[in-house]
Amino acid sequence: MSQGLSIANNLLANSVQLNLNRNQAALQNVVTQLSSGLRINTAADDPSGLAIATNLQTQVDGFQQAIQNVQDANNAAQVASGALQTTTDILQRIRSLAVEAASSINSQNDRQNLQSEISQLLLEVNRISQNTNFNGQALLDGSHAGFQAEQNSFLNITANSALASNNGTLSSGFLVASAVAANANFNTTVGASQAFGTGTYATVDGTIELQVVNTGTSIAVQETFINSASGAISVSSTLYGANGVSADFENVSITVGNLTSADVGVTSYIKISQNVAALTNPNNPAFNFQSGADEGDTIQLGIQATNTQTLRISNVNVAISAANNPSLGAEDAIGQVDNALQQLLTQQAQLGAVIVRLNEDANNNNIATVNLQASESNIRDLNVGQATTEFTKLQVLVQVGTSVLAQSNANAQSVLGLFR
């Protein structure tokens, strides 16, 4: 039913006011969106969309920080790698000095002078190990060693001399026909009370020298052992003949070839490396690099100490001599430094491998960041073209609504015409 003229309620103005308020609110929301560039500015705009977009942005932020973490790890690795390379250069110099000292052309005084330089270089190895750090975190002193696997004892025939008579066979053609671990003690961890040279205790670092001698009644092999840690020299009281078997030194069973008088003076060397027990290092945990956005997304790196003690070269002494070999200490030093160099190279390889993995992780983080940011943008970002069209429409509606409201308010004045 239609309603006549009324002055108690301006229903036309009320209807216009309602639509005008709605359009103004919508216009204000569009203005906010255009000024921020976001479709979702508050939870009221899209509750579930805001939650999803926020979670995605959290992941993006985490990945971006992880990328920075990897870069920091790379920087630290460069510092550690540089120090390891310097230590490697020092050990190569020590090895060269040991090779020089092993020559019989040098006197004992010459070897003492060479040892003076070696001693200073060993001090520098310790200084580098102690002082290399990144952002206050020590890198090479073992404070971040983490778990270190057991190192088994092993032996190498570093020099094996050919015999004058080989009978056409390989085994009898060399002074050392074979050298193998003699018993279970060979791979036993060295203890404080362990001895050396008896074959009944744990294996220790050292060098076995085998030399063919003429006893006056027969041709035999004289065994000499030098302990790398103490420098102590032990000479076997038993001489071994051709095809003899010995288990008297460092738990090593040695078979010699067929000897003749033409082989007198021939010498061979066997390098022994001791067992090192696994180290859990609970007080020296490995580095943990947070390389991803989520809890527990870490990569571990344990860097063993690279001082002279852990490299087992703290007692290298090229001036040690035996009665039958004045350069025995130098020969042992060569083998000991070789083992230390191998240990350093293993450290560098492990460090490099972890950095390669970290870089791959960073690359994956970059890809994930781009994709997640795109997903978040699809949800949260404003379609500017669409919003501009809406803004123009609402501007027109508000302007028209304002004009119509003015006309609606004036319409009630027509009632006054009835009183004329």
Protein backbone atom coordinates (compact mmCIF):
# COMPACT_ATOMS: atom_id res chain seq x y z
CA MET A 1 0.00 0.00 0.00
CA SER A 2 1.41 3.36 -0.98
CA GLN A 3 1.86 6.04 1.66
CA GLY A 4 0.88 9.66 1.30
CA LEU A 5 2.87 12.70 2.27
CA SER A 6 4.54 12.49 5.68
CA ILE A 7 6.63 14.92 7.69
CA ALA A 8 7.09 12.66 10.76
CA ASN A 9 9.43 10.37 8.85
CA ASN A 10 11.36 11.18 5.71
CA LEU A 11 11.37 7.66 4.33
CA LEU A 12 12.92 8.64 1.01
CA ALA A 13 15.85 10.33 2.76
CA ASN A 14 16.27 7.32 5.06
CA SER A 15 16.50 4.94 2.10
CA VAL A 16 18.99 7.18 0.34
CA GLN A 17 21.04 7.56 3.56
CA LEU A 18 21.21 3.78 3.97
CA ASN A 19 22.65 3.24 0.50
CA LEU A 20 24.92 6.25 0.81
CA ASN A 21 26.41 4.87 4.06
CA ARG A 22 27.01 1.50 2.42
CA ASN A 23 28.70 3.04 -0.59
CA GLN A 24 30.86 5.32 1.58
CA ALA A 25 31.99 2.31 3.67
CA ALA A 26 32.78 0.36 0.53
CA LEU A 27 34.62 3.38 -0.91
CA GLN A 28 36.66 3.75 2.26
CA ASN A 29 37.62 0.05 2.10
CA VAL A 30 38.66 0.37 -1.57
CA VAL A 31 40.69 3.49 -0.75
CA THR A 32 42.47 1.55 2.03
CA GLN A 33 43.20 -1.30 -0.34
CA LEU A 34 44.52 0.99 -3.07
CA SER A 35 46.72 2.93 -0.67
CA SER A 36 48.20 -0.25 0.86
CA GLY A 37 48.26 -2.38 -2.29
CA LEU A 38 46.71 -5.22 -0.31
CA ARG A 39 43.36 -6.91 -0.71
CA ILE A 40 43.49 -8.13 2.90
CA ASN A 41 44.34 -5.48 5.47
CA THR A 42 42.46 -6.82 8.47
CA ALA A 43 41.00 -10.18 9.46
CA ALA A 44 37.55 -8.79 8.59
CA ASP A 45 38.55 -8.54 4.92
CA ASP A 46 39.10 -12.32 4.58
CA PRO A 47 39.58 -14.29 7.83
CA SER A 48 40.79 -17.57 6.34
CA GLY A 49 42.77 -15.80 3.62
CA LEU A 50 44.62 -13.72 6.21
CA ALA A 51 45.55 -16.85 8.19
CA ILE A 52 46.85 -18.67 5.11
CA ALA A 53 48.74 -15.64 3.80
CA THR A 54 50.35 -14.99 7.19
CA ASN A 55 51.54 -18.60 7.47
CA LEU A 56 53.00 -18.40 3.97
CA GLN A 57 54.77 -15.13 4.78
CA THR A 58 56.18 -16.70 7.96
CA GLN A 59 57.67 -19.47 5.83
CA VAL A 60 59.09 -16.92 3.40
CA ASP A 61 60.73 -14.96 6.22
CA GLY A 62 62.19 -18.18 7.65
CA PHE A 63 63.67 -19.24 4.31
CA GLN A 64 65.15 -15.80 3.74
CA GLN A 65 66.87 -15.88 7.13
CA ALA A 66 68.07 -19.43 6.45
CA ILE A 67 69.68 -18.17 3.25
CA GLN A 68 71.53 -15.57 5.32
CA ASN A 69 72.55 -18.29 7.79
CA VAL A 70 74.05 -20.31 4.94
CA GLN A 71 75.97 -17.25 3.78
CA ASP A 72 77.34 -16.79 7.31
CA ALA A 73 78.33 -20.46 7.36
CA ASN A 74 80.06 -20.00 4.03
CA ASN A 75 82.00 -17.05 5.41
CA ALA A 76 83.05 -19.05 8.47
CA ALA A 77 84.04 -21.96 6.24
CA GLN A 78 86.24 -19.66 4.18
CA VAL A 79 88.05 -18.59 7.34
CA ALA A 80 88.48 -22.21 8.48
CA SER A 81 89.54 -23.37 5.04
CA GLY A 82 92.13 -20.62 4.78
CA ALA A 83 93.59 -21.58 8.15
CA LEU A 84 93.65 -25.26 7.21
CA GLN A 85 95.47 -24.39 4.00
CA THR A 86 98.05 -22.40 5.95
CA THR A 87 98.53 -25.35 8.31
CA THR A 88 98.88 -27.63 5.29
CA ASP A 89 101.59 -25.35 3.88
CA ILE A 90 103.41 -25.47 7.23
CA LEU A 91 103.30 -29.27 7.33
CA GLN A 92 104.61 -29.44 3.79
CA ARG A 93 107.52 -27.25 4.88
CA ILE A 94 108.14 -29.51 7.89
CA ARG A 95 108.11 -32.53 5.60
CA SER A 96 110.66 -30.89 3.30
CA LEU A 97 112.90 -30.23 6.30
CA ALA A 98 112.51 -33.85 7.40
CA VAL A 99 113.45 -35.06 3.94
CA GLU A 100 116.53 -32.83 4.08
CA ALA A 101 117.44 -34.14 7.53
CA ALA A 102 117.12 -37.76 6.34
CA SER A 103 120.13 -37.35 4.07
CA SER A 104 123.37 -38.71 5.53
CA ILE A 105 125.25 -35.77 4.04
CA ASN A 106 123.95 -33.70 6.97
CA SER A 107 125.73 -33.73 10.31
CA GLN A 108 124.00 -34.04 13.66
CA ASN A 109 124.43 -30.29 14.12
CA ASP A 110 122.70 -29.73 10.79
CA ARG A 111 119.77 -31.83 11.97
CA GLN A 112 119.60 -29.86 15.21
CA ASN A 113 119.39 -26.64 13.20
CA LEU A 114 116.65 -28.10 11.01
CA GLN A 115 114.81 -29.18 14.13
CA SER A 116 114.94 -25.60 15.45
CA GLU A 117 112.87 -24.43 12.47
CA ILE A 118 110.52 -27.40 12.78
CA SER A 119 109.90 -26.60 16.46
CA GLN A 120 108.91 -23.04 15.60
CA LEU A 121 106.63 -24.23 12.83
CA LEU A 122 104.92 -26.65 15.22
CA LEU A 123 104.26 -23.75 17.58
CA GLU A 124 102.66 -21.87 14.70
CA VAL A 125 100.40 -24.85 13.96
CA ASN A 126 99.16 -24.67 17.56
CA ARG A 127 98.68 -20.91 17.38
CA ILE A 128 96.55 -21.19 14.24
CA SER A 129 94.48 -23.94 15.82
CA GLN A 130 93.92 -21.92 18.98
CA ASN A 131 93.23 -18.48 17.48
CA THR A 132 91.23 -19.11 14.31
CA ASN A 133 87.68 -17.92 14.93
CA PHE A 134 84.64 -16.38 13.25
CA ASN A 135 82.48 -13.89 15.11
CA GLY A 136 84.04 -15.07 18.38
CA GLN A 137 83.35 -18.75 17.66
CA ALA A 138 86.53 -20.83 17.68
CA LEU A 139 86.81 -22.97 14.55
CA LEU A 140 89.87 -25.20 14.82
CA ASP A 141 90.50 -25.71 18.54
CA GLY A 142 88.13 -28.68 18.89
CA SER A 143 85.43 -26.78 20.79
CA HIS A 144 83.03 -27.69 17.97
CA ALA A 145 84.43 -31.12 17.17
CA GLY A 146 81.19 -33.03 17.74
CA PHE A 147 81.24 -36.78 17.21
CA GLN A 148 84.46 -38.08 15.68
CA ALA A 149 84.48 -41.64 14.37
CA GLU A 150 87.05 -44.21 15.44
CA GLN A 151 90.27 -44.34 13.46
CA ASN A 152 91.56 -47.88 13.07
CA SER A 153 95.24 -48.71 13.31
CA PHE A 154 96.94 -49.27 9.99
CA LEU A 155 100.37 -49.93 8.57
CA ASN A 156 102.05 -48.93 5.33
CA ILE A 157 105.23 -50.28 3.79
CA THR A 158 106.60 -46.88 2.88
CA ALA A 159 109.88 -48.16 1.42
CA ASN A 160 110.52 -51.73 0.29
CA SER A 161 113.93 -52.53 -1.18
CA ALA A 162 114.38 -55.04 -3.97
CA LEU A 163 116.63 -58.00 -3.21
CA ALA A 164 119.48 -59.20 -5.36
CA SER A 165 117.89 -62.61 -5.87
CA ASN A 166 114.14 -62.72 -6.43
CA ASN A 167 113.69 -66.17 -8.01
CA GLY A 168 111.20 -64.62 -10.38
CA THR A 169 108.56 -64.19 -7.64
CA LEU A 170 107.20 -61.00 -6.15
CA SER A 171 107.16 -62.13 -2.53
CA SER A 172 110.78 -63.16 -2.39
CA GLY A 173 111.90 -60.29 -4.59
CA PHE A 174 111.60 -57.69 -1.82
CA LEU A 175 112.93 -57.38 1.68
CA VAL A 176 109.39 -57.23 3.09
CA ALA A 177 107.46 -60.07 1.51
CA SER A 178 104.44 -59.25 3.65
CA ALA A 179 103.50 -57.22 6.72
CA VAL A 180 100.17 -57.73 8.46
CA ALA A 181 98.58 -57.21 11.86
CA ALA A 182 99.80 -60.01 14.09
CA ASN A 183 96.98 -60.10 16.64
CA ALA A 184 93.93 -58.35 18.09
CA ASN A 185 96.10 -55.91 20.03
CA PHE A 186 96.99 -54.19 16.77
CA ASN A 187 93.72 -52.19 16.81
CA THR A 188 93.61 -51.54 20.54
CA THR A 189 93.38 -47.97 21.81
CA VAL A 190 96.58 -46.78 23.41
CA GLY A 191 96.42 -46.29 27.18
CA ALA A 192 98.64 -44.39 29.56
CA SER A 193 100.37 -47.55 30.75
CA GLN A 194 100.95 -49.10 27.33
CA ALA A 195 104.43 -50.00 26.18
CA PHE A 196 105.80 -50.42 22.67
CA GLY A 197 107.91 -52.82 20.71
CA THR A 198 106.80 -55.99 22.48
CA GLY A 199 103.83 -57.08 20.39
CA THR A 200 101.66 -57.56 23.47
CA TYR A 201 100.32 -54.02 23.92
CA ALA A 202 98.27 -51.58 21.93
CA THR A 203 99.79 -50.25 18.74
CA VAL A 204 101.43 -46.81 18.89
CA ASP A 205 102.58 -44.40 16.20
CA GLY A 206 106.04 -45.24 14.99
CA THR A 207 108.30 -46.63 12.30
CA ILE A 208 109.80 -50.11 11.92
CA GLU A 209 113.15 -50.14 10.18
CA LEU A 210 114.34 -53.41 8.67
CA GLN A 211 117.99 -53.62 7.65
CA VAL A 212 119.91 -56.54 6.17
CA VAL A 213 123.13 -57.14 8.15
CA ASN A 214 126.03 -59.59 8.03
CA THR A 215 126.47 -61.20 11.45
CA GLY A 216 129.69 -62.86 10.40
CA THR A 217 128.04 -66.23 10.39
CA SER A 218 124.85 -65.48 8.45
CA ILE A 219 122.83 -62.88 6.61
CA ALA A 220 119.90 -61.64 8.71
CA VAL A 221 117.47 -58.79 9.23
CA GLN A 222 117.86 -56.33 12.12
CA GLU A 223 114.63 -54.69 13.36
CA THR A 224 114.56 -51.23 14.91
CA PHE A 225 111.46 -49.37 16.10
CA ILE A 226 111.10 -45.66 16.89
CA ASN A 227 108.13 -44.44 18.92
CA SER A 228 106.87 -41.21 17.29
CA ALA A 229 105.39 -39.86 20.51
CA SER A 230 108.37 -40.37 22.78
CA GLY A 231 111.25 -40.70 20.36
CA ALA A 232 112.34 -43.86 22.16
CA ILE A 233 114.20 -46.38 20.01
CA SER A 234 114.06 -50.13 20.52
CA VAL A 235 116.41 -52.52 18.73
CA SER A 236 115.42 -56.15 18.46
CA SER A 237 117.69 -58.54 20.31
CA THR A 238 116.74 -61.22 17.79
CA LEU A 239 117.95 -61.28 14.21
CA TYR A 240 115.66 -62.74 11.59
CA GLY A 241 116.79 -64.79 8.64
CA ALA A 242 115.31 -65.23 5.19
CA ASN A 243 111.63 -66.13 5.19
CA GLY A 244 111.54 -65.52 8.91
CA VAL A 245 108.38 -64.32 10.68
CA SER A 246 108.39 -61.71 13.43
CA ALA A 247 105.63 -60.44 15.71
CA ASP A 248 107.92 -58.68 18.14
CA PHE A 249 107.33 -55.08 17.11
CA GLU A 250 104.03 -53.25 17.32
CA ASN A 251 101.89 -56.33 16.81
CA VAL A 252 103.08 -56.61 13.20
CA SER A 253 103.92 -59.94 11.62
CA ILE A 254 106.62 -59.52 8.99
CA THR A 255 107.80 -62.05 6.44
CA VAL A 256 111.11 -61.29 4.74
CA GLY A 257 112.26 -62.39 1.30
CA ASN A 258 115.22 -64.54 0.26
CA LEU A 259 118.39 -62.85 1.42
CA THR A 260 121.94 -63.16 0.12
CA SER A 261 125.19 -61.47 0.97
CA ALA A 262 124.55 -59.08 -1.91
CA ASP A 263 121.63 -57.62 0.05
CA VAL A 264 123.66 -56.43 3.06
CA GLY A 265 122.79 -52.80 3.84
CA VAL A 266 119.40 -52.93 2.15
CA THR A 267 116.77 -51.16 4.27
CA SER A 268 112.97 -51.04 4.29
CA TYR A 269 110.51 -49.04 6.39
CA ILE A 270 107.03 -49.79 7.72
CA LYS A 271 104.96 -46.90 9.08
CA ILE A 272 102.55 -47.70 11.92
CA SER A 273 99.55 -45.52 12.85
CA GLN A 274 97.78 -46.14 16.12
CA ASN A 275 94.10 -46.62 16.86
CA VAL A 276 92.15 -43.53 17.93
CA ALA A 277 88.93 -44.20 19.83
CA ALA A 278 85.65 -42.59 18.77
CA LEU A 279 85.05 -39.27 20.52
CA THR A 280 81.51 -38.22 21.44
CA ASN A 281 82.59 -34.76 22.68
CA PRO A 282 79.40 -33.96 24.65
CA ASN A 283 80.97 -30.74 25.91
CA ASN A 284 82.16 -29.75 22.44
CA PRO A 285 79.10 -30.07 20.21
CA ALA A 286 79.36 -29.73 16.45
CA PHE A 287 78.24 -26.59 14.67
CA ASN A 288 74.51 -26.55 13.86
CA PHE A 289 73.61 -24.47 10.82
CA GLN A 290 69.89 -23.63 10.62
CA SER A 291 69.63 -24.01 6.86
CA GLY A 292 65.84 -24.17 6.54
CA ALA A 293 62.71 -22.44 7.78
CA ASP A 294 61.38 -25.16 10.09
CA GLU A 295 62.30 -26.46 13.51
CA GLY A 296 65.12 -29.00 13.32
CA ASP A 297 66.01 -28.12 9.73
CA THR A 298 69.72 -28.04 10.49
CA ILE A 299 73.01 -29.33 9.09
CA GLN A 300 75.79 -30.36 11.47
CA LEU A 301 79.51 -29.90 10.99
CA GLY A 302 82.13 -31.08 13.43
CA ILE A 303 85.62 -29.65 13.00
CA GLN A 304 88.29 -31.58 14.86
CA ALA A 305 91.10 -29.70 16.54
CA THR A 306 94.07 -29.22 14.24
CA ASN A 307 96.78 -28.73 16.83
CA THR A 308 99.97 -30.76 16.89
CA GLN A 309 98.58 -33.13 19.51
CA THR A 310 95.50 -34.18 17.53
CA LEU A 311 97.57 -34.30 14.34
CA ARG A 312 100.03 -36.46 16.31
CA ILE A 313 103.11 -34.48 15.29
CA SER A 314 103.86 -32.67 18.56
CA ASN A 315 107.03 -34.73 19.11
CA VAL A 316 108.40 -34.72 15.58
CA ASN A 317 112.17 -34.65 15.97
CA VAL A 318 114.50 -35.09 13.01
CA ALA A 319 117.54 -34.97 15.28
CA ILE A 320 116.80 -38.37 16.88
CA SER A 321 119.28 -40.97 15.69
CA ALA A 322 119.91 -44.67 16.10
CA ALA A 323 123.34 -46.29 16.30
CA ASN A 324 122.92 -47.87 12.90
CA ASN A 325 120.91 -45.03 11.35
CA PRO A 326 121.49 -41.36 12.32
CA SER A 327 118.48 -40.27 10.24
CA LEU A 328 115.90 -42.63 11.78
CA GLY A 329 114.08 -39.72 13.48
CA ALA A 330 113.84 -37.86 10.18
CA GLU A 331 112.50 -40.94 8.38
CA ASP A 332 109.83 -41.38 11.05
CA ALA A 333 108.97 -37.67 10.84
CA ILE A 334 108.28 -37.96 7.10
CA GLY A 335 105.71 -40.69 7.66
CA GLN A 336 104.15 -38.94 10.65
CA VAL A 337 103.73 -35.67 8.75
CA ASP A 338 102.24 -37.59 5.82
CA ASN A 339 99.55 -38.95 8.15
CA ALA A 340 98.90 -35.47 9.55
CA LEU A 341 98.59 -34.04 6.03
CA GLN A 342 96.07 -36.74 5.15
CA GLN A 343 94.09 -35.85 8.27
CA LEU A 344 94.09 -32.18 7.29
CA LEU A 345 93.02 -32.97 3.73
CA THR A 346 90.17 -35.09 5.09
CA GLN A 347 89.09 -32.15 7.25
CA GLN A 348 89.12 -29.83 4.25
CA ALA A 349 87.18 -32.32 2.15
CA GLN A 350 84.52 -32.70 4.85
CA LEU A 351 84.30 -28.94 5.26
CA GLY A 352 83.96 -28.44 1.52
CA ALA A 353 81.34 -31.19 1.22
CA VAL A 354 79.18 -29.60 3.92
CA ILE A 355 79.46 -26.20 2.23
CA VAL A 356 78.35 -27.73 -1.08
CA ARG A 357 75.36 -29.19 0.74
CA LEU A 358 74.61 -25.84 2.40
CA ASN A 359 74.74 -24.07 -0.96
CA GLU A 360 72.31 -26.58 -2.43
CA ASP A 361 70.08 -25.98 0.58
CA ALA A 362 70.31 -22.22 0.00
CA ASN A 363 69.38 -22.70 -3.66
CA ASN A 364 66.37 -24.75 -2.61
CA ASN A 365 65.46 -22.05 -0.10
CA ASN A 366 65.56 -19.42 -2.84
CA ILE A 367 63.22 -21.47 -5.03
CA ALA A 368 60.85 -22.11 -2.14
CA THR A 369 60.88 -18.41 -1.22
CA VAL A 370 59.89 -17.35 -4.73
CA ASN A 371 57.08 -19.90 -4.97
CA LEU A 372 55.73 -19.23 -1.49
CA GLN A 373 55.86 -15.47 -2.03
CA ALA A 374 53.88 -15.91 -5.23
CA SER A 375 51.28 -17.96 -3.38
CA GLU A 376 51.03 -15.37 -0.62
CA SER A 377 50.73 -12.61 -3.20
CA ASN A 378 47.83 -14.33 -4.94
CA ILE A 379 45.94 -14.37 -1.65
CA ARG A 380 46.84 -11.04 -0.07
CA ASP A 381 47.75 -8.64 -2.86
CA LEU A 382 45.21 -6.34 -4.49
CA ASN A 383 44.10 -6.55 -8.10
CA VAL A 384 44.71 -2.86 -8.75
CA GLY A 385 42.86 -2.70 -12.05
CA GLN A 386 39.74 -4.24 -10.58
CA ALA A 387 39.96 -2.09 -7.46
CA THR A 388 40.36 1.11 -9.55
CA THR A 389 37.20 0.28 -11.46
CA GLU A 390 35.37 -0.33 -8.18
CA PHE A 391 36.75 2.92 -6.77
CA THR A 392 35.44 4.92 -9.74
CA LYS A 393 32.03 3.28 -9.50
CA LEU A 394 31.74 3.94 -5.76
CA GLN A 395 32.84 7.56 -6.20
CA VAL A 396 30.01 8.09 -8.68
CA LEU A 397 27.50 6.35 -6.41
CA VAL A 398 28.53 8.45 -3.40
CA GLN A 399 28.28 11.67 -5.39
CA VAL A 400 24.88 10.67 -6.80
CA GLY A 401 23.73 9.51 -3.38
CA THR A 402 24.72 12.83 -1.83
CA SER A 403 22.77 14.72 -4.50
CA VAL A 404 19.70 12.48 -4.13
CA LEU A 405 19.82 12.86 -0.34
CA ALA A 406 19.71 16.63 -0.73
CA GLN A 407 16.67 16.30 -3.03
CA SER A 408 14.97 13.89 -0.62
CA ASN A 409 15.35 16.32 2.25
CA ALA A 410 13.84 19.09 0.11
CA ASN A 411 10.89 16.93 -0.95
CA ALA A 412 9.18 17.19 2.47
CA GLN A 413 8.85 20.95 2.02
CA SER A 414 6.13 20.32 -0.61
CA VAL A 415 3.72 19.74 2.29
CA LEU A 416 3.75 23.50 2.94
CA GLY A 417 1.90 24.04 -0.34
CA LEU A 418 -1.24 22.56 1.22
CA PHE A 419 -1.49 25.55 3.61
CA ARG A 420 -1.72 28.18 0.89
